[in-house]
C-alpha atoms as a PDB file:
ATOM      1  CA  MET A   1      64.261   3.097  17.060  1.00  0.00           C
ATOM      2  CA  GLY A   2      63.253   2.245  20.590  1.00  0.00           C
ATOM      3  CA  ALA A   3      64.208  -1.002  22.211  1.00  0.00           C
ATOM      4  CA  GLN A   4      61.518  -3.675  22.382  1.00  0.00           C
ATOM      5  CA  ASN A   5      60.783  -5.344  25.661  1.00  0.00           C
ATOM      6  CA  PRO A   6      61.378  -9.076  25.322  1.00  0.00           C
ATOM      7  CA  ARG A   7      58.468 -11.365  26.243  1.00  0.00           C
ATOM      8  CA  LEU A   8      59.103 -12.909  29.616  1.00  0.00           C
ATOM      9  CA  PRO A   9      59.430 -16.680  29.408  1.00  0.00           C
ATOM     10  CA  ILE A  10      56.791 -18.746  31.167  1.00  0.00           C
ATOM     11  CA  HIS A  11      57.923 -21.995  32.712  1.00  0.00           C
ATOM     12  CA  THR A  12      56.486 -25.113  31.098  1.00  0.00           C
ATOM     13  CA  HIS A  13      54.977 -26.290  34.370  1.00  0.00           C
ATOM     14  CA  SER A  14      52.928 -23.290  35.487  1.00  0.00           C
ATOM     15  CA  THR A  15      49.671 -22.808  37.327  1.00  0.00           C
ATOM     16  CA  VAL A  16      47.395 -19.824  36.775  1.00  0.00           C
ATOM     17  CA  PHE A  17      44.565 -19.126  39.224  1.00  0.00           C
ATOM     18  CA  ILE A  18      41.404 -17.356  38.047  1.00  0.00           C
ATOM     19  CA  ASP A  19      38.620 -16.380  40.449  1.00  0.00           C
ATOM     20  CA  LEU A  20      35.231 -15.621  38.906  1.00  0.00           C
ATOM     21  CA  LEU A  21      32.169 -14.107  40.548  1.00  0.00           C
ATOM     22  CA  SER A  22      28.733 -14.580  39.003  1.00  0.00           C
ATOM     23  CA  VAL A  23      25.249 -13.503  40.088  1.00  0.00           C
ATOM     24  CA  VAL A  24      22.401 -15.745  38.931  1.00  0.00           C
ATOM     25  CA  SER A  25      18.637 -15.609  39.100  1.00  0.00           C
ATOM     26  CA  ALA A  26      16.836 -17.015  42.101  1.00  0.00           C
ATOM     27  CA  VAL A  27      14.901 -19.455  39.884  1.00  0.00           C
ATOM     28  CA  ALA A  28      17.865 -20.808  37.928  1.00  0.00           C
ATOM     29  CA  PRO A  29      18.975 -24.284  39.084  1.00  0.00           C
ATOM     30  CA  PHE A  30      22.663 -24.438  39.851  1.00  0.00           C
ATOM     31  CA  ASP A  31      23.202 -27.551  37.730  1.00  0.00           C
ATOM     32  CA  VAL A  32      21.941 -25.694  34.664  1.00  0.00           C
ATOM     33  CA  VAL A  33      23.994 -22.627  35.521  1.00  0.00           C
ATOM     34  CA  LEU A  34      27.162 -24.670  35.889  1.00  0.00           C
ATOM     35  CA  GLN A  35      26.568 -26.414  32.588  1.00  0.00           C
ATOM     36  CA  THR A  36      25.943 -23.215  30.640  1.00  0.00           C
ATOM     37  CA  ARG A  37      29.007 -21.591  32.197  1.00  0.00           C
ATOM     38  CA  LEU A  38      31.283 -24.395  31.033  1.00  0.00           C
ATOM     39  CA  GLY A  39      31.748 -22.982  27.546  1.00  0.00           C
ATOM     40  CA  ALA A  40      32.545 -19.518  28.886  1.00  0.00           C
ATOM     41  CA  VAL A  41      35.041 -20.916  31.374  1.00  0.00           C
ATOM     42  CA  ARG A  42      36.880 -22.870  28.723  1.00  0.00           C
ATOM     43  CA  PHE A  43      36.906 -19.853  26.410  1.00  0.00           C
ATOM     44  CA  LEU A  44      38.481 -17.822  29.213  1.00  0.00           C
ATOM     45  CA  ALA A  45      41.080 -20.543  29.741  1.00  0.00           C
ATOM     46  CA  HIS A  46      41.891 -20.622  26.041  1.00  0.00           C
ATOM     47  CA  PHE A  47      42.312 -16.832  25.979  1.00  0.00           C
ATOM     48  CA  THR A  48      44.560 -17.006  29.047  1.00  0.00           C
ATOM     49  CA  ARG A  49      46.801 -19.580  27.399  1.00  0.00           C
ATOM     50  CA  LYS A  50      47.155 -17.385  24.307  1.00  0.00           C
ATOM     51  CA  PHE A  51      47.677 -14.157  26.251  1.00  0.00           C
ATOM     52  CA  LEU A  52      50.283 -15.523  28.655  1.00  0.00           C
ATOM     53  CA  SER A  53      51.965 -17.761  26.083  1.00  0.00           C
ATOM     54  CA  LEU A  54      51.807 -20.727  28.397  1.00  0.00           C
ATOM     55  CA  GLY A  55      53.863 -23.710  27.347  1.00  0.00           C
ATOM     56  CA  PRO A  56      52.990 -27.392  27.556  1.00  0.00           C
ATOM     57  CA  GLY A  57      52.277 -28.905  30.937  1.00  0.00           C
ATOM     58  CA  PHE A  58      50.595 -25.834  32.450  1.00  0.00           C
ATOM     59  CA  GLN A  59      47.426 -25.816  34.508  1.00  0.00           C
ATOM     60  CA  ILE A  60      44.659 -23.251  34.820  1.00  0.00           C
ATOM     61  CA  VAL A  61      42.601 -23.408  37.991  1.00  0.00           C
ATOM     62  CA  ILE A  62      39.281 -21.583  37.640  1.00  0.00           C
ATOM     63  CA  LYS A  63      37.103 -21.104  40.704  1.00  0.00           C
ATOM     64  CA  THR A  64      33.597 -19.821  40.005  1.00  0.00           C
ATOM     65  CA  THR A  65      31.444 -18.542  42.867  1.00  0.00           C
ATOM     66  CA  PHE A  66      27.740 -18.167  42.132  1.00  0.00           C
ATOM     67  CA  PHE A  67      25.488 -15.912  44.206  1.00  0.00           C
ATOM     68  CA  ARG A  68      21.725 -16.026  44.038  1.00  0.00           C
ATOM     69  CA  MET A  69      19.686 -12.826  43.948  1.00  0.00           C
ATOM     70  CA  THR A  70      16.587 -12.337  46.062  1.00  0.00           C
ATOM     71  CA  ASP A  71      13.170 -11.977  44.468  1.00  0.00           C
ATOM     72  CA  SER A  72      13.406  -8.228  44.959  1.00  0.00           C
ATOM     73  CA  LYS A  73      16.681  -8.307  42.986  1.00  0.00           C
ATOM     74  CA  GLU A  74      18.598  -6.694  45.821  1.00  0.00           C
ATOM     75  CA  ALA A  75      22.349  -7.122  45.799  1.00  0.00           C
ATOM     76  CA  MET A  76      22.333  -9.479  48.754  1.00  0.00           C
ATOM     77  CA  GLU A  77      24.039 -12.836  49.037  1.00  0.00           C
ATOM     78  CA  VAL A  78      21.421 -15.493  49.713  1.00  0.00           C
ATOM     79  CA  GLU A  79      23.504 -18.568  49.093  1.00  0.00           C
ATOM     80  CA  SER A  80      26.632 -19.360  47.156  1.00  0.00           C
ATOM     81  CA  ILE A  81      28.279 -22.334  45.562  1.00  0.00           C
ATOM     82  CA  GLU A  82      31.824 -22.777  44.330  1.00  0.00           C
ATOM     83  CA  SER A  83      32.841 -24.673  41.232  1.00  0.00           C
ATOM     84  CA  VAL A  84      36.539 -25.391  40.809  1.00  0.00           C
ATOM     85  CA  GLN A  85      37.826 -26.606  37.464  1.00  0.00           C
ATOM     86  CA  VAL A  86      41.410 -27.610  36.718  1.00  0.00           C
ATOM     87  CA  LEU A  87      42.249 -27.583  33.029  1.00  0.00           C
ATOM     88  CA  ASP A  88      45.561 -28.838  31.720  1.00  0.00           C
ATOM     89  CA  SER A  89      47.144 -27.943  28.396  1.00  0.00           C
ATOM     90  CA  GLU A  90      45.345 -30.710  26.498  1.00  0.00           C
ATOM     91  CA  ASP A  91      41.922 -29.664  27.762  1.00  0.00           C
ATOM     92  CA  VAL A  92      42.432 -26.034  26.773  1.00  0.00           C
ATOM     93  CA  SER A  93      44.049 -26.641  23.403  1.00  0.00           C
ATOM     94  CA  LYS A  94      41.157 -28.773  22.145  1.00  0.00           C
ATOM     95  CA  THR A  95      37.477 -27.992  21.985  1.00  0.00           C
ATOM     96  CA  SER A  96      35.401 -28.432  25.104  1.00  0.00           C
ATOM     97  CA  MET A  97      32.874 -30.430  23.084  1.00  0.00           C
ATOM     98  CA  GLU A  98      33.686 -33.369  20.870  1.00  0.00           C
ATOM     99  CA  ILE A  99      31.493 -33.303  17.776  1.00  0.00           C
ATOM    100  CA  GLY A 100      31.502 -36.101  15.276  1.00  0.00           C
ATOM    101  CA  ASP A 101      31.042 -33.914  12.194  1.00  0.00           C
ATOM    102  CA  PRO A 102      31.876 -30.204  12.643  1.00  0.00           C
ATOM    103  CA  SER A 103      29.880 -29.333   9.511  1.00  0.00           C
ATOM    104  CA  LYS A 104      26.661 -30.407  11.261  1.00  0.00           C
ATOM    105  CA  ASN A 105      27.117 -27.884  14.071  1.00  0.00           C
ATOM    106  CA  VAL A 106      25.472 -30.219  16.562  1.00  0.00           C
ATOM    107  CA  MET A 107      26.878 -31.099  19.973  1.00  0.00           C
ATOM    108  CA  ALA A 108      27.761 -34.674  20.791  1.00  0.00           C
ATOM    109  CA  ALA A 109      25.080 -37.110  21.881  1.00  0.00           C
ATOM    110  CA  GLY A 110      24.434 -37.106  25.592  1.00  0.00           C
ATOM    111  CA  THR A 111      24.474 -33.331  25.959  1.00  0.00           C
ATOM    112  CA  THR A 112      21.315 -32.245  27.737  1.00  0.00           C
ATOM    113  CA  GLY A 113      19.433 -29.062  26.974  1.00  0.00           C
ATOM    114  CA  SER A 114      18.564 -26.384  29.486  1.00  0.00           C
ATOM    115  CA  VAL A 115      14.810 -26.389  28.784  1.00  0.00           C
ATOM    116  CA  THR A 116      12.001 -28.926  28.541  1.00  0.00           C
ATOM    117  CA  CYS A 117       9.576 -28.741  25.628  1.00  0.00           C
ATOM    118  CA  SER A 118       6.037 -29.923  25.028  1.00  0.00           C
ATOM    119  CA  LEU A 119       4.939 -30.019  21.399  1.00  0.00           C
ATOM    120  CA  HIS A 120       1.354 -29.867  20.158  1.00  0.00           C
ATOM    121  CA  PRO A 121       0.346 -32.031  17.140  1.00  0.00           C
ATOM    122  CA  LEU A 122      -1.138 -28.954  15.482  1.00  0.00           C
ATOM    123  CA  VAL A 123       2.396 -27.638  14.899  1.00  0.00           C
ATOM    124  CA  ILE A 124       3.519 -30.893  13.266  1.00  0.00           C
ATOM    125  CA  MET A 125       0.471 -30.909  10.981  1.00  0.00           C
ATOM    126  CA  ASN A 126       1.046 -27.261  10.058  1.00  0.00           C
ATOM    127  CA  VAL A 127       4.671 -27.878   9.081  1.00  0.00           C
ATOM    128  CA  SER A 128       3.764 -31.048   7.162  1.00  0.00           C
ATOM    129  CA  GLU A 129       0.958 -29.270   5.290  1.00  0.00           C
ATOM    130  CA  HIS A 130       3.265 -26.337   4.510  1.00  0.00           C
ATOM    131  CA  TRP A 131       5.910 -28.633   3.006  1.00  0.00           C
ATOM    132  CA  THR A 132       3.371 -30.765   1.086  1.00  0.00           C
ATOM    133  CA  ARG A 133       1.771 -27.690  -0.471  1.00  0.00           C
ATOM    134  CA  ALA A 134       5.152 -26.219  -1.425  1.00  0.00           C
ATOM    135  CA  ARG A 135       6.168 -29.491  -3.076  1.00  0.00           C
ATOM    136  CA  ALA A 136       2.897 -29.760  -5.019  1.00  0.00           C
ATOM    137  CA  GLN A 137       3.279 -26.205  -6.299  1.00  0.00           C
ATOM    138  CA  ASN A 138       6.902 -26.694  -7.374  1.00  0.00           C
ATOM    139  CA  GLU A 139       7.267 -30.325  -8.383  1.00  0.00           C
ATOM    140  CA  GLU A 140       9.889 -29.558 -11.017  1.00  0.00           C
ATOM    141  CA  ASN A 141      12.252 -28.005  -8.440  1.00  0.00           C
ATOM    142  CA  GLY A 142      12.698 -31.154  -6.361  1.00  0.00           C
ATOM    143  CA  LEU A 143      12.255 -31.293  -2.590  1.00  0.00           C
ATOM    144  CA  PRO A 144      11.543 -27.824  -1.163  1.00  0.00           C
ATOM    145  CA  GLN A 145      12.660 -26.342   2.139  1.00  0.00           C
ATOM    146  CA  VAL A 146      10.132 -24.239   4.007  1.00  0.00           C
ATOM    147  CA  PHE A 147      10.452 -21.880   6.951  1.00  0.00           C
ATOM    148  CA  GLY A 148       8.050 -20.710   9.609  1.00  0.00           C
ATOM    149  CA  ALA A 149       7.664 -19.283  13.104  1.00  0.00           C
ATOM    150  CA  LEU A 150       6.747 -21.112  16.300  1.00  0.00           C
ATOM    151  CA  ILE A 151       4.514 -19.511  18.917  1.00  0.00           C
ATOM    152  CA  GLY A 152       3.525 -20.720  22.349  1.00  0.00           C
ATOM    153  CA  LYS A 153       4.145 -20.147  26.026  1.00  0.00           C
ATOM    154  CA  GLN A 154       7.264 -20.201  28.155  1.00  0.00           C
ATOM    155  CA  LYS A 155       7.315 -20.381  31.917  1.00  0.00           C
ATOM    156  CA  GLY A 156      10.766 -20.675  33.409  1.00  0.00           C
ATOM    157  CA  ARG A 157      12.501 -23.645  31.799  1.00  0.00           C
ATOM    158  CA  ASN A 158       9.265 -25.102  30.388  1.00  0.00           C
ATOM    159  CA  ILE A 159       8.330 -24.286  26.793  1.00  0.00           C
ATOM    160  CA  GLU A 160       5.008 -25.220  25.207  1.00  0.00           C
ATOM    161  CA  ILE A 161       4.948 -25.021  21.389  1.00  0.00           C
ATOM    162  CA  MET A 162       1.286 -24.533  20.507  1.00  0.00           C
ATOM    163  CA  ASN A 163       0.983 -23.073  17.011  1.00  0.00           C
ATOM    164  CA  SER A 164       2.947 -21.846  14.013  1.00  0.00           C
ATOM    165  CA  PHE A 165       2.737 -19.692  10.905  1.00  0.00           C
ATOM    166  CA  GLU A 166       4.660 -19.512   7.647  1.00  0.00           C
ATOM    167  CA  LEU A 167       7.518 -17.149   6.895  1.00  0.00           C
ATOM    168  CA  VAL A 168       8.505 -15.597   3.595  1.00  0.00           C
ATOM    169  CA  PHE A 169      12.167 -15.906   2.670  1.00  0.00           C
ATOM    170  CA  SER A 170      14.526 -15.240  -0.215  1.00  0.00           C
ATOM    171  CA  THR A 171      17.580 -17.186  -1.316  1.00  0.00           C
ATOM    172  CA  ILE A 172      20.750 -15.561  -2.617  1.00  0.00           C
ATOM    173  CA  GLY A 173      23.300 -18.173  -3.575  1.00  0.00           C
ATOM    174  CA  GLU A 174      23.415 -20.620  -0.683  1.00  0.00           C
ATOM    175  CA  ASP A 175      22.220 -18.099   1.909  1.00  0.00           C
ATOM    176  CA  THR A 176      18.619 -17.755   3.077  1.00  0.00           C
ATOM    177  CA  PHE A 177      17.198 -14.465   4.326  1.00  0.00           C
ATOM    178  CA  ILE A 178      13.976 -14.162   6.324  1.00  0.00           C
ATOM    179  CA  ASP A 179      11.579 -11.347   5.387  1.00  0.00           C
ATOM    180  CA  ARG A 180      11.304  -9.361   8.642  1.00  0.00           C
ATOM    181  CA  ASP A 181       8.502  -7.120   7.366  1.00  0.00           C
ATOM    182  CA  TYR A 182       6.314 -10.142   6.640  1.00  0.00           C
ATOM    183  CA  TYR A 183       7.120 -11.613  10.041  1.00  0.00           C
ATOM    184  CA  ASN A 184       6.180  -8.379  11.810  1.00  0.00           C
ATOM    185  CA  MET A 185       2.833  -8.301   9.979  1.00  0.00           C
ATOM    186  CA  LYS A 186       1.994 -11.947  10.769  1.00  0.00           C
ATOM    187  CA  GLU A 187       3.149 -11.624  14.366  1.00  0.00           C
ATOM    188  CA  GLU A 188       0.858  -8.642  14.877  1.00  0.00           C
ATOM    189  CA  GLN A 189      -2.090 -10.508  13.343  1.00  0.00           C
ATOM    190  CA  PHE A 190      -1.556 -13.609  15.478  1.00  0.00           C
ATOM    191  CA  LYS A 191      -1.130 -11.466  18.587  1.00  0.00           C
ATOM    192  CA  GLN A 192      -4.625 -10.079  18.083  1.00  0.00           C
ATOM    193  CA  VAL A 193      -6.091 -13.604  18.219  1.00  0.00           C
ATOM    194  CA  PHE A 194      -3.630 -15.425  20.492  1.00  0.00           C
ATOM    195  CA  MET A 195      -2.688 -12.694  22.945  1.00  0.00           C
ATOM    196  CA  GLU A 196      -1.210 -15.134  25.471  1.00  0.00           C
ATOM    197  CA  MET A 197       1.219 -16.682  22.962  1.00  0.00           C
ATOM    198  CA  ASP A 198       4.694 -15.356  22.196  1.00  0.00           C
ATOM    199  CA  PHE A 199       7.260 -16.034  19.500  1.00  0.00           C
ATOM    200  CA  ILE A 200       9.553 -18.777  20.792  1.00  0.00           C
ATOM    201  CA  GLY A 201      11.401 -20.070  17.743  1.00  0.00           C
ATOM    202  CA  TRP A 202      11.250 -21.189  14.136  1.00  0.00           C
ATOM    203  CA  TYR A 203      10.848 -24.313  12.048  1.00  0.00           C
ATOM    204  CA  THR A 204      12.246 -25.685   8.823  1.00  0.00           C
ATOM    205  CA  THR A 205      12.387 -28.979   6.946  1.00  0.00           C
ATOM    206  CA  GLY A 206      15.239 -31.270   5.974  1.00  0.00           C
ATOM    207  CA  GLY A 207      17.797 -33.582   7.554  1.00  0.00           C
ATOM    208  CA  PRO A 208      19.970 -32.947  10.628  1.00  0.00           C
ATOM    209  CA  ALA A 209      20.787 -29.359  11.581  1.00  0.00           C
ATOM    210  CA  ASN A 210      23.653 -27.929   9.553  1.00  0.00           C
ATOM    211  CA  ASN A 211      25.604 -24.734   8.959  1.00  0.00           C
ATOM    212  CA  SER A 212      22.833 -23.220   6.802  1.00  0.00           C
ATOM    213  CA  ASP A 213      20.481 -23.540   9.758  1.00  0.00           C
ATOM    214  CA  ILE A 214      23.030 -21.726  11.926  1.00  0.00           C
ATOM    215  CA  LYS A 215      22.978 -18.756   9.529  1.00  0.00           C
ATOM    216  CA  VAL A 216      19.181 -18.545   9.618  1.00  0.00           C
ATOM    217  CA  HIS A 217      19.177 -19.071  13.381  1.00  0.00           C
ATOM    218  CA  LYS A 218      21.401 -16.020  13.841  1.00  0.00           C
ATOM    219  CA  GLN A 219      18.792 -13.947  11.991  1.00  0.00           C
ATOM    220  CA  ILE A 220      16.055 -15.302  14.253  1.00  0.00           C
ATOM    221  CA  CYS A 221      18.168 -14.341  17.283  1.00  0.00           C
ATOM    222  CA  ASP A 222      17.478 -10.702  16.381  1.00  0.00           C
ATOM    223  CA  ILE A 223      13.830 -11.402  17.245  1.00  0.00           C
ATOM    224  CA  ASN A 224      14.304 -13.738  20.204  1.00  0.00           C
ATOM    225  CA  GLU A 225      17.587 -14.075  22.090  1.00  0.00           C
ATOM    226  CA  SER A 226      17.121 -17.811  22.732  1.00  0.00           C
ATOM    227  CA  PRO A 227      14.921 -19.251  19.969  1.00  0.00           C
ATOM    228  CA  ILE A 228      14.048 -22.925  19.573  1.00  0.00           C
ATOM    229  CA  LEU A 229      14.551 -24.699  16.245  1.00  0.00           C
ATOM    230  CA  LEU A 230      12.098 -27.386  15.134  1.00  0.00           C
ATOM    231  CA  LYS A 231      13.220 -29.459  12.174  1.00  0.00           C
ATOM    232  CA  LEU A 232      10.948 -31.938  10.401  1.00  0.00           C
ATOM    233  CA  ASN A 233      12.351 -34.498   7.985  1.00  0.00           C
ATOM    234  CA  PRO A 234       9.522 -35.345   5.531  1.00  0.00           C
ATOM    235  CA  CYS A 235      11.637 -38.011   3.807  1.00  0.00           C
ATOM    236  CA  ASP A 236      12.405 -40.022   6.935  1.00  0.00           C
ATOM    237  CA  LYS A 237      11.423 -43.678   6.421  1.00  0.00           C
ATOM    238  CA  ASN A 238      11.450 -44.523  10.132  1.00  0.00           C
ATOM    239  CA  ILE A 239       7.825 -45.104  11.101  1.00  0.00           C
ATOM    240  CA  ASP A 240       8.569 -45.871  14.745  1.00  0.00           C
ATOM    241  CA  LEU A 241       9.536 -42.325  15.740  1.00  0.00           C
ATOM    242  CA  LEU A 242       8.296 -38.900  14.763  1.00  0.00           C
ATOM    243  CA  PRO A 243      10.678 -37.290  12.220  1.00  0.00           C
ATOM    244  CA  VAL A 244      10.827 -34.155  14.357  1.00  0.00           C
ATOM    245  CA  SER A 245      13.876 -32.751  16.150  1.00  0.00           C
ATOM    246  CA  LEU A 246      14.117 -29.779  18.498  1.00  0.00           C
ATOM    247  CA  TYR A 247      17.282 -27.775  19.147  1.00  0.00           C
ATOM    248  CA  GLU A 248      18.549 -24.890  21.214  1.00  0.00           C
ATOM    249  CA  THR A 249      21.927 -23.210  20.748  1.00  0.00           C
ATOM    250  CA  VAL A 250      24.973 -22.550  22.905  1.00  0.00           C
ATOM    251  CA  ILE A 251      28.293 -20.840  22.289  1.00  0.00           C
ATOM    252  CA  ASP A 252      31.242 -23.185  22.726  1.00  0.00           C
ATOM    253  CA  LEU A 253      34.853 -23.540  21.636  1.00  0.00           C
ATOM    254  CA  VAL A 254      35.520 -25.494  18.452  1.00  0.00           C
ATOM    255  CA  ASN A 255      39.147 -25.584  17.341  1.00  0.00           C
ATOM    256  CA  GLY A 256      39.902 -22.598  19.543  1.00  0.00           C
ATOM    257  CA  GLU A 257      37.089 -20.406  18.179  1.00  0.00           C
ATOM    258  CA  ALA A 258      33.782 -19.431  19.751  1.00  0.00           C
ATOM    259  CA  THR A 259      31.141 -21.239  17.688  1.00  0.00           C
ATOM    260  CA  MET A 260      27.363 -21.484  17.844  1.00  0.00           C
ATOM    261  CA  LEU A 261      26.290 -25.118  18.184  1.00  0.00           C
ATOM    262  CA  PHE A 262      22.916 -26.810  18.285  1.00  0.00           C
ATOM    263  CA  VAL A 263      21.977 -28.854  21.354  1.00  0.00           C
ATOM    264  CA  PRO A 264      19.259 -31.491  20.797  1.00  0.00           C
ATOM    265  CA  LEU A 265      16.238 -31.163  23.076  1.00  0.00           C
ATOM    266  CA  THR A 266      13.892 -33.860  24.277  1.00  0.00           C
ATOM    267  CA  TYR A 267      10.187 -33.182  23.995  1.00  0.00           C
ATOM    268  CA  THR A 268       6.815 -34.638  24.874  1.00  0.00           C
ATOM    269  CA  LEU A 269       3.531 -34.401  22.992  1.00  0.00           C
ATOM    270  CA  ALA A 270       0.808 -32.267  24.561  1.00  0.00           C
ATOM    271  CA  THR A 271      -2.679 -32.502  23.084  1.00  0.00           C
ATOM    272  CA  GLU A 272      -6.064 -30.926  23.601  1.00  0.00           C
ATOM    273  CA  GLU A 273      -9.444 -32.515  22.856  1.00  0.00           C
ATOM    274  CA  ALA A 274      -9.838 -30.794  19.485  1.00  0.00           C
ATOM    275  CA  GLU A 275      -6.352 -31.853  18.445  1.00  0.00           C
ATOM    276  CA  ARG A 276      -6.948 -35.476  19.417  1.00  0.00           C
ATOM    277  CA  ILE A 277     -10.101 -35.588  17.282  1.00  0.00           C
ATOM    278  CA  GLY A 278      -8.304 -34.022  14.326  1.00  0.00           C
ATOM    279  CA  VAL A 279      -5.282 -36.303  14.595  1.00  0.00           C
ATOM    280  CA  ASP A 280      -7.507 -39.382  14.821  1.00  0.00           C
ATOM    281  CA  HIS A 281      -9.431 -38.277  11.725  1.00  0.00           C
ATOM    282  CA  VAL A 282      -6.259 -37.676   9.704  1.00  0.00           C
ATOM    283  CA  ALA A 283      -4.656 -40.937  10.842  1.00  0.00           C
ATOM    284  CA  ARG A 284      -7.678 -43.058   9.916  1.00  0.00           C
ATOM    285  CA  MET A 285      -8.349 -41.280   6.627  1.00  0.00           C
ATOM    286  CA  SER A 286      -4.729 -41.904   5.596  1.00  0.00           C
ATOM    287  CA  SER A 287      -5.336 -45.650   5.841  1.00  0.00           C
ATOM    288  CA  MET A 288      -8.496 -45.945   3.739  1.00  0.00           C
ATOM    289  CA  ASP A 289      -7.185 -49.092   2.043  1.00  0.00           C
ATOM    290  CA  SER A 290      -7.575 -50.974   5.311  1.00  0.00           C
ATOM    291  CA  GLY A 291     -11.274 -50.126   5.434  1.00  0.00           C
ATOM    292  CA  GLU A 292     -10.972 -48.049   8.605  1.00  0.00           C
ATOM    293  CA  SER A 293     -12.805 -44.774   9.107  1.00  0.00           C
ATOM    294  CA  SER A 294     -12.330 -42.041  11.663  1.00  0.00           C
ATOM    295  CA  LEU A 295     -14.500 -41.618  14.726  1.00  0.00           C
ATOM    296  CA  VAL A 296     -15.713 -38.309  13.326  1.00  0.00           C
ATOM    297  CA  ALA A 297     -16.801 -39.947  10.067  1.00  0.00           C
ATOM    298  CA  GLU A 298     -18.576 -42.743  11.934  1.00  0.00           C
ATOM    299  CA  HIS A 299     -20.431 -40.252  14.118  1.00  0.00           C
ATOM    300  CA  LEU A 300     -21.531 -38.132  11.152  1.00  0.00           C
ATOM    301  CA  THR A 301     -22.607 -41.231   9.216  1.00  0.00           C
ATOM    302  CA  ALA A 302     -24.753 -42.387  12.140  1.00  0.00           C
ATOM    303  CA  GLN A 303     -26.354 -38.946  12.408  1.00  0.00           C
ATOM    304  CA  HIS A 304     -27.011 -38.872   8.668  1.00  0.00           C
ATOM    305  CA  SER A 305     -28.703 -42.300   8.790  1.00  0.00           C
ATOM    306  CA  ALA A 306     -30.885 -41.272  11.744  1.00  0.00           C
ATOM    307  CA  ILE A 307     -31.991 -38.043  10.043  1.00  0.00           C
ATOM    308  CA  LYS A 308     -32.674 -39.893   6.794  1.00  0.00           C
ATOM    309  CA  MET A 309     -34.825 -42.455   8.630  1.00  0.00           C
ATOM    310  CA  LEU A 310     -36.686 -39.693  10.496  1.00  0.00           C
ATOM    311  CA  HIS A 311     -37.322 -37.853   7.235  1.00  0.00           C
ATOM    312  CA  SER A 312     -38.767 -40.950   5.613  1.00  0.00           C
ATOM    313  CA  ARG A 313     -41.276 -41.382   8.463  1.00  0.00           C
ATOM    314  CA  VAL A 314     -42.397 -37.785   8.708  1.00  0.00           C
ATOM    315  CA  THR A 315     -45.253 -36.801   6.434  1.00  0.00           C
ATOM    316  CA  ILE A 316     -45.589 -33.190   5.494  1.00  0.00           C
ATOM    317  CA  ALA A 317     -49.208 -32.077   5.419  1.00  0.00           C
END
């Protein structure tokens, strides 16, 4: 039996230097690049601690140099920036993100997303109508959860969510599986009408994002590498804010393991003329007890009265 080489002891106060080189796109802001690289850097530090069996009191110094690529994607250095991070044993041994409830799989408040979103009211009405119809058809089964796809446009870091369509799914135990064949059929149909729109994410209903949403999100990642999640809470009693939340995902360390986490996104409402008319009609019709009527109804009533008066004055020979 051969002799085993003993593991060399590492002093408790050690410093390990790691030099990283990264090439980024010419349009990617460095602040976003540095933020998205943080999880990878900490994962590398955690692996280094495990591999080298570093004791308490060590330090890992990671220097990351970013190079921009030219528009022609030639391997030429245009400009560079260095980011130096010093992580001690406490930083590496714990997660790089503090999350209040790990079961929610959502990053701590204050974490900013890498994209900006504009949301059209048509999408909110589609999701609300989808959930209301599902509940009316299955009242005995309690509150339903529905799923659908989001389509729109993306230009750089700006995402515009413009429309949506339903998705068929099946449930086995506590796991939900999206029907890819149905998605492919609907995506092809929508592409014939909305050629300029692409699939950019998915929607569902319920409370805050949880581990079940992570499982479905991983399935959606097979369609789009960086999908957006829109979650509508139809039971939210807060009338001051829209019960709609948007999320993107990142990979970060949680308890020493690489974990997919949701990052809340801020969004603004973007409307077109037809949407504003429709939203006004729905809002006023939902408050009939107050005696209000929509602008559309008022306009049609005025036209009806004018035509009725004209008809009464016209004699047919």
